[in-house]
C-alpha atoms as a PDB file:
ATOM      1  CA  MET A   1      75.330 113.077  63.886  1.00  0.00           C
ATOM      2  CA  SER A   2      78.316 112.177  65.953  1.00  0.00           C
ATOM      3  CA  SER A   3      77.963 111.291  69.671  1.00  0.00           C
ATOM      4  CA  ALA A   4      81.501 112.389  70.477  1.00  0.00           C
ATOM      5  CA  PRO A   5      81.743 115.279  72.961  1.00  0.00           C
ATOM      6  CA  ALA A   6      82.553 118.708  71.683  1.00  0.00           C
ATOM      7  CA  PRO A   7      86.312 119.559  71.595  1.00  0.00           C
ATOM      8  CA  ARG A   8      85.927 122.117  74.338  1.00  0.00           C
ATOM      9  CA  SER A   9      84.188 119.537  76.546  1.00  0.00           C
ATOM     10  CA  ARG A  10      87.032 117.095  75.872  1.00  0.00           C
ATOM     11  CA  TRP A  11      89.622 119.684  76.999  1.00  0.00           C
ATOM     12  CA  ARG A  12      87.581 120.403  80.146  1.00  0.00           C
ATOM     13  CA  VAL A  13      87.440 116.738  80.969  1.00  0.00           C
ATOM     14  CA  LEU A  14      91.197 116.322  80.337  1.00  0.00           C
ATOM     15  CA  PHE A  15      91.954 119.400  82.464  1.00  0.00           C
ATOM     16  CA  SER A  16      89.695 118.237  85.271  1.00  0.00           C
ATOM     17  CA  GLU A  17      91.274 114.781  85.253  1.00  0.00           C
ATOM     18  CA  PHE A  18      94.770 116.303  85.157  1.00  0.00           C
ATOM     19  CA  ILE A  19      93.988 118.517  88.197  1.00  0.00           C
ATOM     20  CA  ARG A  20      92.489 115.643  90.159  1.00  0.00           C
ATOM     21  CA  PHE A  21      95.405 113.408  89.148  1.00  0.00           C
ATOM     22  CA  GLY A  22      97.757 116.089  90.507  1.00  0.00           C
ATOM     23  CA  LEU A  23      95.896 116.345  93.761  1.00  0.00           C
ATOM     24  CA  VAL A  24      95.776 112.596  94.251  1.00  0.00           C
ATOM     25  CA  GLY A  25      99.458 112.540  93.367  1.00  0.00           C
ATOM     26  CA  GLY A  26     100.126 115.291  95.861  1.00  0.00           C
ATOM     27  CA  VAL A  27      98.743 113.020  98.648  1.00  0.00           C
ATOM     28  CA  GLY A  28     100.813 110.093  97.291  1.00  0.00           C
ATOM     29  CA  PHE A  29     103.793 112.408  97.174  1.00  0.00           C
ATOM     30  CA  VAL A  30     103.462 113.290 100.898  1.00  0.00           C
ATOM     31  CA  VAL A  31     103.174 109.608 101.718  1.00  0.00           C
ATOM     32  CA  ASP A  32     106.141 108.727  99.465  1.00  0.00           C
ATOM     33  CA  VAL A  33     108.516 111.491 100.666  1.00  0.00           C
ATOM     34  CA  GLY A  34     107.455 111.153 104.337  1.00  0.00           C
ATOM     35  CA  VAL A  35     107.951 107.378 104.487  1.00  0.00           C
ATOM     36  CA  PHE A  36     111.109 107.595 102.363  1.00  0.00           C
ATOM     37  CA  ASN A  37     112.775 110.178 104.671  1.00  0.00           C
ATOM     38  CA  LEU A  38     111.535 108.440 107.823  1.00  0.00           C
ATOM     39  CA  LEU A  39     113.155 105.174 106.644  1.00  0.00           C
ATOM     40  CA  ARG A  40     116.224 106.907 105.078  1.00  0.00           C
ATOM     41  CA  LEU A  41     117.050 108.719 108.295  1.00  0.00           C
ATOM     42  CA  THR A  42     116.493 105.677 110.638  1.00  0.00           C
ATOM     43  CA  VAL A  43     116.580 101.967 109.943  1.00  0.00           C
ATOM     44  CA  MET A  44     117.560 102.369 106.231  1.00  0.00           C
ATOM     45  CA  SER A  45     120.290 104.958 106.388  1.00  0.00           C
ATOM     46  CA  PRO A  46     123.313 104.142 104.266  1.00  0.00           C
ATOM     47  CA  GLU A  47     125.329 103.746 107.515  1.00  0.00           C
ATOM     48  CA  ASN A  48     122.955 100.913 108.588  1.00  0.00           C
ATOM     49  CA  MET A  49     122.255  99.348 105.193  1.00  0.00           C
ATOM     50  CA  HIS A  50     124.241  99.944 102.004  1.00  0.00           C
ATOM     51  CA  GLU A  51     121.116  99.597  99.836  1.00  0.00           C
ATOM     52  CA  GLY A  52     119.031 101.509 102.281  1.00  0.00           C
ATOM     53  CA  PRO A  53     118.092 104.499 100.159  1.00  0.00           C
ATOM     54  CA  VAL A  54     116.794 102.336  97.347  1.00  0.00           C
ATOM     55  CA  VAL A  55     114.979  99.939  99.692  1.00  0.00           C
ATOM     56  CA  ALA A  56     113.405 102.842 101.422  1.00  0.00           C
ATOM     57  CA  LYS A  57     112.229 104.255  98.085  1.00  0.00           C
ATOM     58  CA  LEU A  58     110.754 100.930  97.102  1.00  0.00           C
ATOM     59  CA  ILE A  59     108.730 100.734 100.324  1.00  0.00           C
ATOM     60  CA  SER A  60     107.634 104.418 100.285  1.00  0.00           C
ATOM     61  CA  THR A  61     106.649 104.239  96.651  1.00  0.00           C
ATOM     62  CA  ALA A  62     104.674 100.951  97.143  1.00  0.00           C
ATOM     63  CA  LEU A  63     102.624 102.664  99.887  1.00  0.00           C
ATOM     64  CA  ALA A  64     102.032 105.738  97.680  1.00  0.00           C
ATOM     65  CA  ILE A  65     100.906 103.493  94.722  1.00  0.00           C
ATOM     66  CA  VAL A  66      98.141 102.086  96.999  1.00  0.00           C
ATOM     67  CA  VAL A  67      97.058 105.561  98.037  1.00  0.00           C
ATOM     68  CA  ASN A  68      97.145 106.737  94.373  1.00  0.00           C
ATOM     69  CA  TRP A  69      95.168 103.761  93.086  1.00  0.00           C
ATOM     70  CA  LEU A  70      92.357 104.445  95.563  1.00  0.00           C
ATOM     71  CA  GLY A  71      92.348 108.188  94.780  1.00  0.00           C
ATOM     72  CA  ASN A  72      92.467 107.715  91.030  1.00  0.00           C
ATOM     73  CA  ARG A  73      89.906 104.887  90.882  1.00  0.00           C
ATOM     74  CA  PHE A  74      87.295 106.613  93.069  1.00  0.00           C
ATOM     75  CA  TRP A  75      87.942 110.215  92.255  1.00  0.00           C
ATOM     76  CA  THR A  76      90.162 111.131  89.274  1.00  0.00           C
ATOM     77  CA  PHE A  77      88.919 108.591  86.793  1.00  0.00           C
ATOM     78  CA  ARG A  78      85.653 107.571  88.582  1.00  0.00           C
ATOM     79  CA  GLU A  79      83.633 107.923  85.331  1.00  0.00           C
ATOM     80  CA  ARG A  80      86.113 105.672  83.576  1.00  0.00           C
ATOM     81  CA  ARG A  81      86.587 102.928  86.139  1.00  0.00           C
ATOM     82  CA  ARG A  82      85.818  99.424  84.996  1.00  0.00           C
ATOM     83  CA  HIS A  83      83.703  96.716  86.571  1.00  0.00           C
ATOM     84  CA  ASP A  84      86.641  94.288  86.330  1.00  0.00           C
ATOM     85  CA  VAL A  85      88.395  95.639  89.427  1.00  0.00           C
ATOM     86  CA  LEU A  86      91.063  92.891  89.497  1.00  0.00           C
ATOM     87  CA  ARG A  87      92.215  93.588  85.901  1.00  0.00           C
ATOM     88  CA  GLU A  88      92.006  97.334  86.371  1.00  0.00           C
ATOM     89  CA  SER A  89      94.062  97.182  89.558  1.00  0.00           C
ATOM     90  CA  LEU A  90      96.662  94.855  88.005  1.00  0.00           C
ATOM     91  CA  GLU A  91      97.136  97.193  85.062  1.00  0.00           C
ATOM     92  CA  PHE A  92      97.243 100.242  87.440  1.00  0.00           C
ATOM     93  CA  PHE A  93      99.934  98.522  89.549  1.00  0.00           C
ATOM     94  CA  ALA A  94     101.921  97.493  86.433  1.00  0.00           C
ATOM     95  CA  VAL A  95     102.021 101.082  85.158  1.00  0.00           C
ATOM     96  CA  SER A  96     102.790 102.327  88.707  1.00  0.00           C
ATOM     97  CA  ILE A  97     105.686  99.884  89.099  1.00  0.00           C
ATOM     98  CA  ALA A  98     107.037 101.025  85.706  1.00  0.00           C
ATOM     99  CA  GLY A  99     106.746 104.550  86.979  1.00  0.00           C
ATOM    100  CA  MET A 100     108.397 103.623  90.130  1.00  0.00           C
ATOM    101  CA  GLY A 101     111.262 102.221  88.103  1.00  0.00           C
ATOM    102  CA  ILE A 102     111.739 105.581  86.529  1.00  0.00           C
ATOM    103  CA  GLY A 103     112.086 107.180  90.018  1.00  0.00           C
ATOM    104  CA  LEU A 104     114.415 104.384  91.244  1.00  0.00           C
ATOM    105  CA  ALA A 105     116.561 104.637  88.225  1.00  0.00           C
ATOM    106  CA  CYS A 106     116.953 108.414  88.801  1.00  0.00           C
ATOM    107  CA  LEU A 107     117.862 107.775  92.499  1.00  0.00           C
ATOM    108  CA  TRP A 108     120.194 104.871  91.728  1.00  0.00           C
ATOM    109  CA  PHE A 109     122.042 106.843  89.041  1.00  0.00           C
ATOM    110  CA  SER A 110     122.488 109.880  91.177  1.00  0.00           C
ATOM    111  CA  HIS A 111     123.501 107.927  94.323  1.00  0.00           C
ATOM    112  CA  TYR A 112     125.604 105.161  92.930  1.00  0.00           C
ATOM    113  CA  VAL A 113     126.944 106.380  89.608  1.00  0.00           C
ATOM    114  CA  LEU A 114     127.277 110.144  90.055  1.00  0.00           C
ATOM    115  CA  GLY A 115     128.138 109.731  93.842  1.00  0.00           C
ATOM    116  CA  PHE A 116     125.672 112.306  95.065  1.00  0.00           C
ATOM    117  CA  THR A 117     124.903 110.579  98.383  1.00  0.00           C
ATOM    118  CA  SER A 118     123.492 113.330 100.632  1.00  0.00           C
ATOM    119  CA  LEU A 119     119.932 113.254 101.887  1.00  0.00           C
ATOM    120  CA  LEU A 120     119.239 116.344  99.737  1.00  0.00           C
ATOM    121  CA  ALA A 121     120.687 114.762  96.612  1.00  0.00           C
ATOM    122  CA  ASP A 122     118.625 111.484  97.120  1.00  0.00           C
ATOM    123  CA  ASN A 123     115.468 113.560  97.542  1.00  0.00           C
ATOM    124  CA  ILE A 124     116.148 115.625  94.434  1.00  0.00           C
ATOM    125  CA  ALA A 125     116.889 112.565  92.318  1.00  0.00           C
ATOM    126  CA  GLY A 126     114.114 110.337  93.674  1.00  0.00           C
ATOM    127  CA  ASN A 127     111.463 112.725  94.786  1.00  0.00           C
ATOM    128  CA  VAL A 128     111.773 115.546  92.340  1.00  0.00           C
ATOM    129  CA  ILE A 129     113.214 114.349  89.028  1.00  0.00           C
ATOM    130  CA  GLY A 130     112.097 110.777  89.362  1.00  0.00           C
ATOM    131  CA  LEU A 131     108.650 111.531  90.488  1.00  0.00           C
ATOM    132  CA  ALA A 132     108.118 114.238  87.841  1.00  0.00           C
ATOM    133  CA  LEU A 133     109.129 111.942  85.039  1.00  0.00           C
ATOM    134  CA  GLY A 134     107.219 109.031  86.519  1.00  0.00           C
ATOM    135  CA  ALA A 135     104.061 111.120  87.010  1.00  0.00           C
ATOM    136  CA  ALA A 136     103.989 112.209  83.347  1.00  0.00           C
ATOM    137  CA  PHE A 137     104.476 108.544  82.266  1.00  0.00           C
ATOM    138  CA  ARG A 138     101.733 107.362  84.641  1.00  0.00           C
ATOM    139  CA  PHE A 139      99.172 109.991  83.733  1.00  0.00           C
ATOM    140  CA  VAL A 140      99.339 109.173  80.045  1.00  0.00           C
ATOM    141  CA  LEU A 141      99.168 105.408  80.574  1.00  0.00           C
ATOM    142  CA  TYR A 142      96.470 105.542  83.207  1.00  0.00           C
ATOM    143  CA  ARG A 143      94.284 107.770  80.993  1.00  0.00           C
ATOM    144  CA  VAL A 144      94.902 105.903  77.764  1.00  0.00           C
ATOM    145  CA  TRP A 145      95.309 102.267  78.889  1.00  0.00           C
ATOM    146  CA  VAL A 146      94.034 101.557  82.432  1.00  0.00           C
ATOM    147  CA  PHE A 147      91.082 103.996  82.478  1.00  0.00           C
ATOM    148  CA  GLY A 148      90.867 104.490  78.660  1.00  0.00           C
ATOM    149  CA  ASP A 149      87.555 105.353  77.007  1.00  0.00           C
ATOM    150  CA  LYS A 150      87.499 102.112  75.107  1.00  0.00           C
ATOM    151  CA  ARG A 151      88.057 100.107  78.212  1.00  0.00           C
ATOM    152  CA  LYS A 152      85.595 101.687  80.636  1.00  0.00           C
ATOM    153  CA  HIS A 153      82.700  99.864  79.190  1.00  0.00           C
ATOM    154  CA  SER A 154      84.469  96.591  78.551  1.00  0.00           C
ATOM    155  CA  ARG A 155      82.547  93.585  79.792  1.00  0.00           C
ATOM    156  CA  SER A 156      83.848  90.494  81.357  1.00  0.00           C
ATOM    157  CA  ALA A 157      83.636  87.117  79.573  1.00  0.00           C
ATOM    158  CA  VAL A 158      80.834  86.016  81.869  1.00  0.00           C
ATOM    159  CA  GLU A 159      78.810  89.121  81.127  1.00  0.00           C
ATOM    160  CA  ILE A 160      79.224  88.580  77.360  1.00  0.00           C
ATOM    161  CA  GLU A 161      78.361  84.932  77.562  1.00  0.00           C
ATOM    162  CA  THR A 162      75.204  85.611  79.519  1.00  0.00           C
ATOM    163  CA  MET A 163      74.029  88.548  77.378  1.00  0.00           C
ATOM    164  CA  GLY A 164      70.809  87.764  75.548  1.00  0.00           C
ATOM    165  CA  LYS A 165      70.023  84.763  77.577  1.00  0.00           C
ATOM    166  CA  THR A 166      66.732  85.078  79.421  1.00  0.00           C
ATOM    167  CA  PRO A 167      66.254  83.404  82.628  1.00  0.00           C
ATOM    168  CA  SER A 168      64.065  80.342  82.439  1.00  0.00           C
ATOM    169  CA  VAL A 169      60.959  80.318  84.542  1.00  0.00           C
ATOM    170  CA  SER A 170      59.854  76.902  85.798  1.00  0.00           C
END
């Protein structure tokens, strides 16, 4: 007998994780867009700082990544989180930074190559197209790599080394 969950159960789990990922991402989106626009309209406007839109996007996305890590670790993938928090968080941030690169590339290309420099164009490029492409990329890698089934039960080297050893009683 196989211990694998029934196919219908797997689809339910996937759908549930996808919905929770979307809700967590929605909170991260509000943080990202809110901070981006606040910075883009004030201290990091193109009139004040040539690279302002890209720097504002870096800052806003970094804050959203922290919000998303907390939400995904403790809610979306709570059954999959690992005991090795440092490694899990480093992997999560690596995937998030790659996803951020997708959004930044969309914003950079639109703003500096195509010349669409309005606030609306920057938001469409960075906060619609870039976030949608980045979100798809992140969901797949979070689910398969960071919080993957084979990784959730991984043990640290210390745990493996001490397995099977019984404490000595003096």
